[in-house]
Amino acid sequence: MRVICTPFMRLTPYHDRCRPGAHLCCTFIVVEAERTAKANLIRRQEETAVTRSLLNTAKLMEKNPLLLRLKELEWLERLVSRRSAASISTPATARASTRPSPSSYA
């Protein structure tokens, strides 16, 4: 198939000769790909920051057990605040609550 070039086509750049709809569609695809790439980059950077923060927290807790206990108490406080009626039992009170009462023998 032969393409016949007119004098007008020789003088104008290629992007002016292609159909406007096709060119616009290609532009949207390129812009969408760039935005997706930027969003993925930001997401990866945030994940890396979170991982570093968790690692630093773990190192601090390894060096100082008191910080670990403080974190446990914070989680316990959150758990109790979310539940309307929560009972907290230590191992000693848990054993006492599982024993039958003396009145149950009678």
Protein backbone atom coordinates (compact mmCIF):
# COMPACT_ATOMS: atom_id res chain seq x y z
CA MET A 1 0.00 0.00 0.00
CA ARG A 2 1.38 3.36 -1.04
CA VAL A 3 0.89 6.48 0.98
CA ILE A 4 0.55 9.60 -1.06
CA CYS A 5 2.06 12.62 0.62
CA THR A 6 0.56 15.94 -0.14
CA PRO A 7 2.57 19.16 0.09
CA PHE A 8 0.62 20.00 3.24
CA MET A 9 1.71 16.73 4.90
CA ARG A 10 5.37 17.41 4.12
CA LEU A 11 5.23 20.78 5.84
CA THR A 12 3.38 19.79 9.00
CA PRO A 13 4.80 17.77 11.90
CA TYR A 14 3.53 14.22 12.39
CA HIS A 15 1.51 14.92 15.54
CA ASP A 16 -0.52 17.49 13.62
CA ARG A 17 -1.40 14.93 10.95
CA CYS A 18 -2.68 12.16 13.23
CA ARG A 19 -6.28 12.08 14.27
CA PRO A 20 -7.05 14.28 17.28
CA GLY A 21 -9.06 11.57 19.07
CA ALA A 22 -6.28 8.98 18.79
CA HIS A 23 -3.69 11.48 19.98
CA LEU A 24 -5.86 12.51 22.92
CA CYS A 25 -6.45 8.88 23.85
CA CYS A 26 -2.70 8.18 23.82
CA THR A 27 -2.08 11.23 25.98
CA PHE A 28 -4.62 10.04 28.55
CA ILE A 29 -3.01 6.60 28.66
CA VAL A 30 0.43 8.13 29.26
CA VAL A 31 -0.86 10.48 31.96
CA GLU A 32 -2.72 7.66 33.67
CA ALA A 33 0.41 5.47 33.64
CA GLU A 34 2.51 8.30 35.12
CA ARG A 35 -0.03 8.90 37.91
CA THR A 36 -0.22 5.20 38.70
CA ALA A 37 3.57 5.01 38.88
CA LYS A 38 3.71 8.00 41.24
CA ALA A 39 0.98 6.53 43.45
CA ASN A 40 2.83 3.20 43.61
CA LEU A 41 6.05 4.99 44.53
CA ILE A 42 4.34 6.90 47.35
CA ARG A 43 2.70 3.70 48.62
CA ARG A 44 6.06 1.89 48.70
CA GLN A 45 7.72 4.80 50.52
CA GLU A 46 4.98 4.77 53.16
CA GLU A 47 5.32 1.01 53.61
CA THR A 48 9.07 1.39 54.05
CA ALA A 49 8.58 4.12 56.65
CA VAL A 50 6.13 1.97 58.61
CA THR A 51 8.50 -1.00 58.53
CA ARG A 52 11.39 1.15 59.77
CA SER A 53 9.23 2.52 62.57
CA LEU A 54 8.22 -0.99 63.66
CA LEU A 55 11.84 -2.13 63.60
CA ASN A 56 12.96 0.82 65.71
CA THR A 57 10.14 0.18 68.19
CA ALA A 58 11.07 -3.50 68.44
CA LYS A 59 14.73 -2.61 69.08
CA LEU A 60 13.75 -0.18 71.84
CA MET A 61 11.47 -2.72 73.49
CA GLU A 62 14.20 -5.35 73.32
CA LYS A 63 16.59 -3.05 75.15
CA ASN A 64 14.03 -1.86 77.71
CA PRO A 65 11.41 -4.37 78.95
CA LEU A 66 9.58 -1.61 80.80
CA LEU A 67 8.59 -0.12 77.44
CA LEU A 68 7.13 -3.46 76.40
CA ARG A 69 5.04 -3.61 79.57
CA LEU A 70 3.87 -0.03 78.97
CA LYS A 71 2.80 -0.97 75.43
CA GLU A 72 0.90 -3.97 76.79
CA LEU A 73 -0.94 -1.72 79.23
CA GLU A 74 -1.82 0.72 76.44
CA TRP A 75 -3.33 -2.11 74.38
CA LEU A 76 -5.21 -3.35 77.43
CA GLU A 77 -6.59 0.14 77.99
CA ARG A 78 -7.79 0.30 74.37
CA LEU A 79 -9.40 -3.11 74.66
CA VAL A 80 -11.24 -2.21 77.86
CA SER A 81 -12.42 1.13 76.47
CA ARG A 82 -13.99 -0.61 73.46
CA ARG A 83 -15.92 -3.14 75.53
CA SER A 84 -18.73 -2.03 77.79
CA ALA A 85 -18.29 -4.72 80.45
CA ALA A 86 -14.88 -6.30 80.54
CA SER A 87 -13.37 -8.23 83.41
CA ILE A 88 -9.65 -8.45 83.79
CA SER A 89 -8.32 -11.42 85.67
CA THR A 90 -4.83 -12.28 86.78
CA PRO A 91 -3.73 -15.92 86.79
CA ALA A 92 -4.50 -16.21 90.53
CA THR A 93 -8.07 -14.91 90.18
CA ALA A 94 -8.64 -17.06 87.11
CA ARG A 95 -7.80 -20.21 89.11
CA ALA A 96 -10.03 -19.10 91.98
CA SER A 97 -12.99 -18.54 89.68
CA THR A 98 -12.77 -22.06 88.22
CA ARG A 99 -12.88 -23.80 91.63
CA PRO A 100 -16.31 -24.96 92.78
CA SER A 101 -17.71 -23.09 95.75
CA PRO A 102 -18.13 -24.99 99.03
CA SER A 103 -21.88 -24.41 98.93
CA SER A 104 -22.17 -26.44 95.74
CA TYR A 105 -21.23 -29.61 97.63
CA ALA A 106 -24.22 -29.47 99.97
